[in-house]
């Protein structure tokens, strides 16, 4: 079964690639991938994860971002996502916010890319498995780390800490993301 990603995420990569008109993207992308650059990406349609991975790797090859920049991009996605899904963030309730994300996650990927394995007040453990090559998995996992840091902050959590206790790109079966925070009541 092929894995797919929803257009709401796919469009980010397409926009980035379209904005770099001087780059010869055919060096990195297949003919089918290039076809997606010519047409409107529909937010509610499904697109191949393989194309999503190649586009992400192409962007990495052209921009050479630092991991901190990738994490920052993950953080900035929350502002857009919480605008599109206004019920995602529950002010003062990080656990409910994470559980709402768990439900929403199924609308982004048609496979278990991110699973919440454990959750309690002030901490959570997630498995991340996009099923991509090591460089793509590392970048996507760091983007995910930034995403969840900011999501918790938006829910009012303070002193948010996030780290990987296992990394698929270094040989682990899955990437494990550890999150710790101090519960708060005022969203930032």
C-alpha atoms as a PDB file:
ATOM      1  CA  UNK A   1       0.000   0.000   0.000  1.00  0.00           C
ATOM      2  CA  UNK A   2       1.391   3.386  -0.929  1.00  0.00           C
ATOM      3  CA  UNK A   3       1.564   6.042   1.747  1.00  0.00           C
ATOM      4  CA  UNK A   4      -0.026   9.416   1.129  1.00  0.00           C
ATOM      5  CA  UNK A   5       0.052  12.921   2.557  1.00  0.00           C
ATOM      6  CA  UNK A   6      -2.778  15.436   2.460  1.00  0.00           C
ATOM      7  CA  UNK A   7      -2.552  18.490   0.226  1.00  0.00           C
ATOM      8  CA  UNK A   8      -2.587  20.811   3.260  1.00  0.00           C
ATOM      9  CA  UNK A   9       1.008  19.664   3.972  1.00  0.00           C
ATOM     10  CA  UNK A  10       2.080  18.877   0.415  1.00  0.00           C
ATOM     11  CA  UNK A  11       1.374  22.451  -0.689  1.00  0.00           C
ATOM     12  CA  UNK A  12       4.121  23.840   1.592  1.00  0.00           C
ATOM     13  CA  UNK A  13       6.833  22.033  -0.364  1.00  0.00           C
ATOM     14  CA  UNK A  14       5.275  22.939  -3.700  1.00  0.00           C
ATOM     15  CA  UNK A  15       5.189  26.626  -2.722  1.00  0.00           C
ATOM     16  CA  UNK A  16       8.828  26.546  -1.620  1.00  0.00           C
ATOM     17  CA  UNK A  17       9.913  24.957  -4.879  1.00  0.00           C
ATOM     18  CA  UNK A  18       7.819  27.301  -7.025  1.00  0.00           C
ATOM     19  CA  UNK A  19       9.347  30.311  -5.260  1.00  0.00           C
ATOM     20  CA  UNK A  20      12.861  29.288  -6.383  1.00  0.00           C
ATOM     21  CA  UNK A  21      12.431  29.878 -10.111  1.00  0.00           C
ATOM     22  CA  UNK A  22      16.162  29.895 -10.878  1.00  0.00           C
ATOM     23  CA  UNK A  23      16.698  26.317  -9.629  1.00  0.00           C
ATOM     24  CA  UNK A  24      16.655  23.380 -12.048  1.00  0.00           C
ATOM     25  CA  UNK A  25      14.436  21.103  -9.982  1.00  0.00           C
ATOM     26  CA  UNK A  26      14.607  18.347 -12.613  1.00  0.00           C
ATOM     27  CA  UNK A  27      17.975  17.386 -11.087  1.00  0.00           C
ATOM     28  CA  UNK A  28      16.151  16.294  -7.935  1.00  0.00           C
ATOM     29  CA  UNK A  29      12.573  15.490  -8.898  1.00  0.00           C
ATOM     30  CA  UNK A  30      10.907  12.914 -11.116  1.00  0.00           C
ATOM     31  CA  UNK A  31       8.701  13.827 -14.057  1.00  0.00           C
ATOM     32  CA  UNK A  32       5.621  13.048 -11.949  1.00  0.00           C
ATOM     33  CA  UNK A  33       6.935  15.248  -9.117  1.00  0.00           C
ATOM     34  CA  UNK A  34       7.494  18.134 -11.526  1.00  0.00           C
ATOM     35  CA  UNK A  35       3.912  17.764 -12.724  1.00  0.00           C
ATOM     36  CA  UNK A  36       2.640  18.750  -9.283  1.00  0.00           C
ATOM     37  CA  UNK A  37       4.361  22.116  -9.681  1.00  0.00           C
ATOM     38  CA  UNK A  38       2.148  23.012 -12.651  1.00  0.00           C
ATOM     39  CA  UNK A  39      -1.238  22.590 -11.048  1.00  0.00           C
ATOM     40  CA  UNK A  40      -3.102  23.797  -7.987  1.00  0.00           C
ATOM     41  CA  UNK A  41      -2.610  21.556  -4.971  1.00  0.00           C
ATOM     42  CA  UNK A  42      -5.976  20.774  -3.431  1.00  0.00           C
ATOM     43  CA  UNK A  43      -5.940  20.873   0.384  1.00  0.00           C
ATOM     44  CA  UNK A  44      -8.293  17.905   0.783  1.00  0.00           C
ATOM     45  CA  UNK A  45      -6.673  15.669  -1.850  1.00  0.00           C
ATOM     46  CA  UNK A  46      -4.087  12.972  -1.176  1.00  0.00           C
ATOM     47  CA  UNK A  47      -0.582  13.050  -2.712  1.00  0.00           C
ATOM     48  CA  UNK A  48       2.177  10.414  -2.790  1.00  0.00           C
ATOM     49  CA  UNK A  49       4.514  10.359   0.202  1.00  0.00           C
ATOM     50  CA  UNK A  50       7.372   9.423  -2.157  1.00  0.00           C
ATOM     51  CA  UNK A  51       6.941  12.734  -4.023  1.00  0.00           C
ATOM     52  CA  UNK A  52       6.684  14.565  -0.709  1.00  0.00           C
ATOM     53  CA  UNK A  53       9.989  12.993   0.383  1.00  0.00           C
ATOM     54  CA  UNK A  54      11.773  13.828  -2.890  1.00  0.00           C
ATOM     55  CA  UNK A  55      10.535  17.420  -2.718  1.00  0.00           C
ATOM     56  CA  UNK A  56      11.735  17.732   0.870  1.00  0.00           C
ATOM     57  CA  UNK A  57      15.158  16.322  -0.053  1.00  0.00           C
ATOM     58  CA  UNK A  58      15.342  18.652  -3.065  1.00  0.00           C
ATOM     59  CA  UNK A  59      14.621  21.652  -0.838  1.00  0.00           C
ATOM     60  CA  UNK A  60      17.285  20.473   1.619  1.00  0.00           C
ATOM     61  CA  UNK A  61      19.801  20.047  -1.214  1.00  0.00           C
ATOM     62  CA  UNK A  62      19.175  23.560  -2.497  1.00  0.00           C
ATOM     63  CA  UNK A  63      18.898  25.457   0.782  1.00  0.00           C
ATOM     64  CA  UNK A  64      21.199  23.498   3.158  1.00  0.00           C
ATOM     65  CA  UNK A  65      19.261  24.568   6.268  1.00  0.00           C
ATOM     66  CA  UNK A  66      20.564  24.041   9.770  1.00  0.00           C
ATOM     67  CA  UNK A  67      18.510  21.819  12.077  1.00  0.00           C
ATOM     68  CA  UNK A  68      17.508  24.881  14.105  1.00  0.00           C
ATOM     69  CA  UNK A  69      15.934  26.388  10.964  1.00  0.00           C
ATOM     70  CA  UNK A  70      14.027  23.174  10.325  1.00  0.00           C
ATOM     71  CA  UNK A  71      12.750  23.160  13.926  1.00  0.00           C
ATOM     72  CA  UNK A  72      11.755  26.819  13.557  1.00  0.00           C
ATOM     73  CA  UNK A  73       9.772  25.990  10.438  1.00  0.00           C
ATOM     74  CA  UNK A  74       7.948  23.299  12.429  1.00  0.00           C
ATOM     75  CA  UNK A  75       7.168  25.885  15.106  1.00  0.00           C
ATOM     76  CA  UNK A  76       5.752  28.349  12.576  1.00  0.00           C
ATOM     77  CA  UNK A  77       3.379  25.741  11.144  1.00  0.00           C
ATOM     78  CA  UNK A  78       1.295  25.928  14.335  1.00  0.00           C
ATOM     79  CA  UNK A  79       0.116  29.464  13.631  1.00  0.00           C
ATOM     80  CA  UNK A  80      -1.288  28.443  10.252  1.00  0.00           C
ATOM     81  CA  UNK A  81      -2.623  25.089  11.481  1.00  0.00           C
ATOM     82  CA  UNK A  82      -4.403  26.565  14.496  1.00  0.00           C
ATOM     83  CA  UNK A  83      -5.986  29.132  12.174  1.00  0.00           C
ATOM     84  CA  UNK A  84      -7.244  26.389   9.824  1.00  0.00           C
ATOM     85  CA  UNK A  85      -8.276  24.164  12.767  1.00  0.00           C
ATOM     86  CA  UNK A  86      -9.336  26.627  15.506  1.00  0.00           C
ATOM     87  CA  UNK A  87     -10.370  23.822  17.889  1.00  0.00           C
ATOM     88  CA  UNK A  88      -6.875  22.285  17.936  1.00  0.00           C
ATOM     89  CA  UNK A  89      -5.425  24.323  20.806  1.00  0.00           C
ATOM     90  CA  UNK A  90      -7.169  24.146  24.175  1.00  0.00           C
ATOM     91  CA  UNK A  91      -5.879  27.069  26.259  1.00  0.00           C
ATOM     92  CA  UNK A  92      -4.507  25.817  29.564  1.00  0.00           C
ATOM     93  CA  UNK A  93      -4.769  22.121  28.619  1.00  0.00           C
ATOM     94  CA  UNK A  94      -1.732  20.621  26.923  1.00  0.00           C
ATOM     95  CA  UNK A  95      -3.013  17.055  27.232  1.00  0.00           C
ATOM     96  CA  UNK A  96      -6.325  17.805  25.521  1.00  0.00           C
ATOM     97  CA  UNK A  97      -4.447  19.758  22.843  1.00  0.00           C
ATOM     98  CA  UNK A  98      -2.189  16.748  22.153  1.00  0.00           C
ATOM     99  CA  UNK A  99      -5.201  14.438  22.033  1.00  0.00           C
ATOM    100  CA  UNK A 100      -6.909  16.756  19.556  1.00  0.00           C
ATOM    101  CA  UNK A 101      -3.759  16.640  17.427  1.00  0.00           C
ATOM    102  CA  UNK A 102      -3.888  12.838  17.572  1.00  0.00           C
ATOM    103  CA  UNK A 103      -7.349  12.928  15.983  1.00  0.00           C
ATOM    104  CA  UNK A 104      -6.289  15.571  13.460  1.00  0.00           C
ATOM    105  CA  UNK A 105      -3.125  13.637  12.477  1.00  0.00           C
ATOM    106  CA  UNK A 106      -5.224  11.116  10.563  1.00  0.00           C
ATOM    107  CA  UNK A 107      -6.272  13.939   8.244  1.00  0.00           C
ATOM    108  CA  UNK A 108      -2.643  14.633   7.258  1.00  0.00           C
ATOM    109  CA  UNK A 109      -1.255  11.140   6.633  1.00  0.00           C
ATOM    110  CA  UNK A 110      -3.003   7.914   5.690  1.00  0.00           C
ATOM    111  CA  UNK A 111      -0.551   5.939   7.837  1.00  0.00           C
ATOM    112  CA  UNK A 112       0.668   6.166  11.447  1.00  0.00           C
ATOM    113  CA  UNK A 113       3.398   8.770  10.962  1.00  0.00           C
ATOM    114  CA  UNK A 114       3.155  10.043  14.540  1.00  0.00           C
ATOM    115  CA  UNK A 115       1.804   7.994  17.432  1.00  0.00           C
ATOM    116  CA  UNK A 116       1.332   9.241  20.981  1.00  0.00           C
ATOM    117  CA  UNK A 117       2.629   6.313  23.020  1.00  0.00           C
ATOM    118  CA  UNK A 118       2.308   7.806  26.520  1.00  0.00           C
ATOM    119  CA  UNK A 119       0.811  10.964  27.873  1.00  0.00           C
ATOM    120  CA  UNK A 120       0.403  12.327  31.376  1.00  0.00           C
ATOM    121  CA  UNK A 121       0.387  15.742  32.990  1.00  0.00           C
ATOM    122  CA  UNK A 122       3.682  17.346  32.079  1.00  0.00           C
ATOM    123  CA  UNK A 123       5.072  14.698  29.737  1.00  0.00           C
ATOM    124  CA  UNK A 124       4.436  12.721  26.584  1.00  0.00           C
ATOM    125  CA  UNK A 125       6.257  10.170  24.458  1.00  0.00           C
ATOM    126  CA  UNK A 126       5.693   9.898  20.719  1.00  0.00           C
ATOM    127  CA  UNK A 127       6.942   7.555  18.048  1.00  0.00           C
ATOM    128  CA  UNK A 128       7.685   9.138  14.698  1.00  0.00           C
ATOM    129  CA  UNK A 129       7.995   7.006  11.598  1.00  0.00           C
ATOM    130  CA  UNK A 130       7.547   8.690   8.242  1.00  0.00           C
ATOM    131  CA  UNK A 131       9.224   5.734   6.523  1.00  0.00           C
ATOM    132  CA  UNK A 132      11.610   7.904   4.523  1.00  0.00           C
ATOM    133  CA  UNK A 133      15.341   7.881   3.863  1.00  0.00           C
ATOM    134  CA  UNK A 134      17.647   8.806   6.757  1.00  0.00           C
ATOM    135  CA  UNK A 135      18.214  12.455   5.690  1.00  0.00           C
ATOM    136  CA  UNK A 136      14.513  13.032   5.055  1.00  0.00           C
ATOM    137  CA  UNK A 137      13.514  11.290   8.300  1.00  0.00           C
ATOM    138  CA  UNK A 138      15.964  13.433  10.288  1.00  0.00           C
ATOM    139  CA  UNK A 139      14.665  16.663   8.788  1.00  0.00           C
ATOM    140  CA  UNK A 140      10.995  15.701   9.162  1.00  0.00           C
ATOM    141  CA  UNK A 141      11.524  14.555  12.759  1.00  0.00           C
ATOM    142  CA  UNK A 142      13.223  17.831  13.692  1.00  0.00           C
ATOM    143  CA  UNK A 143      10.395  19.748  12.056  1.00  0.00           C
ATOM    144  CA  UNK A 144       7.984  17.640  14.133  1.00  0.00           C
ATOM    145  CA  UNK A 145       9.946  18.414  17.309  1.00  0.00           C
ATOM    146  CA  UNK A 146       9.602  22.161  16.675  1.00  0.00           C
ATOM    147  CA  UNK A 147       5.929  21.688  15.861  1.00  0.00           C
ATOM    148  CA  UNK A 148       5.163  20.020  19.194  1.00  0.00           C
ATOM    149  CA  UNK A 149       7.259  22.485  21.216  1.00  0.00           C
ATOM    150  CA  UNK A 150       5.171  25.337  19.844  1.00  0.00           C
ATOM    151  CA  UNK A 151       1.884  23.433  20.082  1.00  0.00           C
ATOM    152  CA  UNK A 152       2.460  22.910  23.809  1.00  0.00           C
ATOM    153  CA  UNK A 153       3.391  26.565  24.276  1.00  0.00           C
ATOM    154  CA  UNK A 154       0.200  27.636  22.497  1.00  0.00           C
ATOM    155  CA  UNK A 155      -1.737  25.469  24.961  1.00  0.00           C
ATOM    156  CA  UNK A 156      -0.127  27.395  27.829  1.00  0.00           C
ATOM    157  CA  UNK A 157       2.682  24.989  28.735  1.00  0.00           C
ATOM    158  CA  UNK A 158       5.904  26.554  29.979  1.00  0.00           C
ATOM    159  CA  UNK A 159       9.458  25.266  30.304  1.00  0.00           C
ATOM    160  CA  UNK A 160       8.871  22.965  27.322  1.00  0.00           C
ATOM    161  CA  UNK A 161      11.673  20.490  26.708  1.00  0.00           C
ATOM    162  CA  UNK A 162      11.814  18.198  23.682  1.00  0.00           C
ATOM    163  CA  UNK A 163      14.447  15.664  22.661  1.00  0.00           C
ATOM    164  CA  UNK A 164      14.902  12.399  20.794  1.00  0.00           C
ATOM    165  CA  UNK A 165      15.621   9.292  22.854  1.00  0.00           C
ATOM    166  CA  UNK A 166      15.854   7.154  19.696  1.00  0.00           C
ATOM    167  CA  UNK A 167      16.610   8.237  16.118  1.00  0.00           C
ATOM    168  CA  UNK A 168      15.612   6.214  13.062  1.00  0.00           C
ATOM    169  CA  UNK A 169      18.240   8.002  10.959  1.00  0.00           C
ATOM    170  CA  UNK A 170      20.882   6.583  13.319  1.00  0.00           C
ATOM    171  CA  UNK A 171      19.578   3.013  13.097  1.00  0.00           C
ATOM    172  CA  UNK A 172      16.665   2.829  15.574  1.00  0.00           C
ATOM    173  CA  UNK A 173      13.451   1.211  14.325  1.00  0.00           C
ATOM    174  CA  UNK A 174      11.509   4.394  15.033  1.00  0.00           C
ATOM    175  CA  UNK A 175      12.273   7.856  16.245  1.00  0.00           C
ATOM    176  CA  UNK A 176      11.077   8.512  19.782  1.00  0.00           C
ATOM    177  CA  UNK A 177      10.279  12.082  20.772  1.00  0.00           C
ATOM    178  CA  UNK A 178      10.196  12.890  24.501  1.00  0.00           C
ATOM    179  CA  UNK A 179       8.283  15.970  25.659  1.00  0.00           C
ATOM    180  CA  UNK A 180       8.242  17.531  29.133  1.00  0.00           C
ATOM    181  CA  UNK A 181       6.588  20.733  30.223  1.00  0.00           C
ATOM    182  CA  UNK A 182       5.205  22.628  33.161  1.00  0.00           C
ATOM    183  CA  UNK A 183       1.415  22.928  32.909  1.00  0.00           C
ATOM    184  CA  UNK A 184       0.177  26.465  32.582  1.00  0.00           C
ATOM    185  CA  UNK A 185      -3.106  28.245  32.157  1.00  0.00           C
ATOM    186  CA  UNK A 186      -2.293  31.164  29.896  1.00  0.00           C
ATOM    187  CA  UNK A 187      -1.514  30.530  26.222  1.00  0.00           C
ATOM    188  CA  UNK A 188       1.582  32.228  24.838  1.00  0.00           C
END
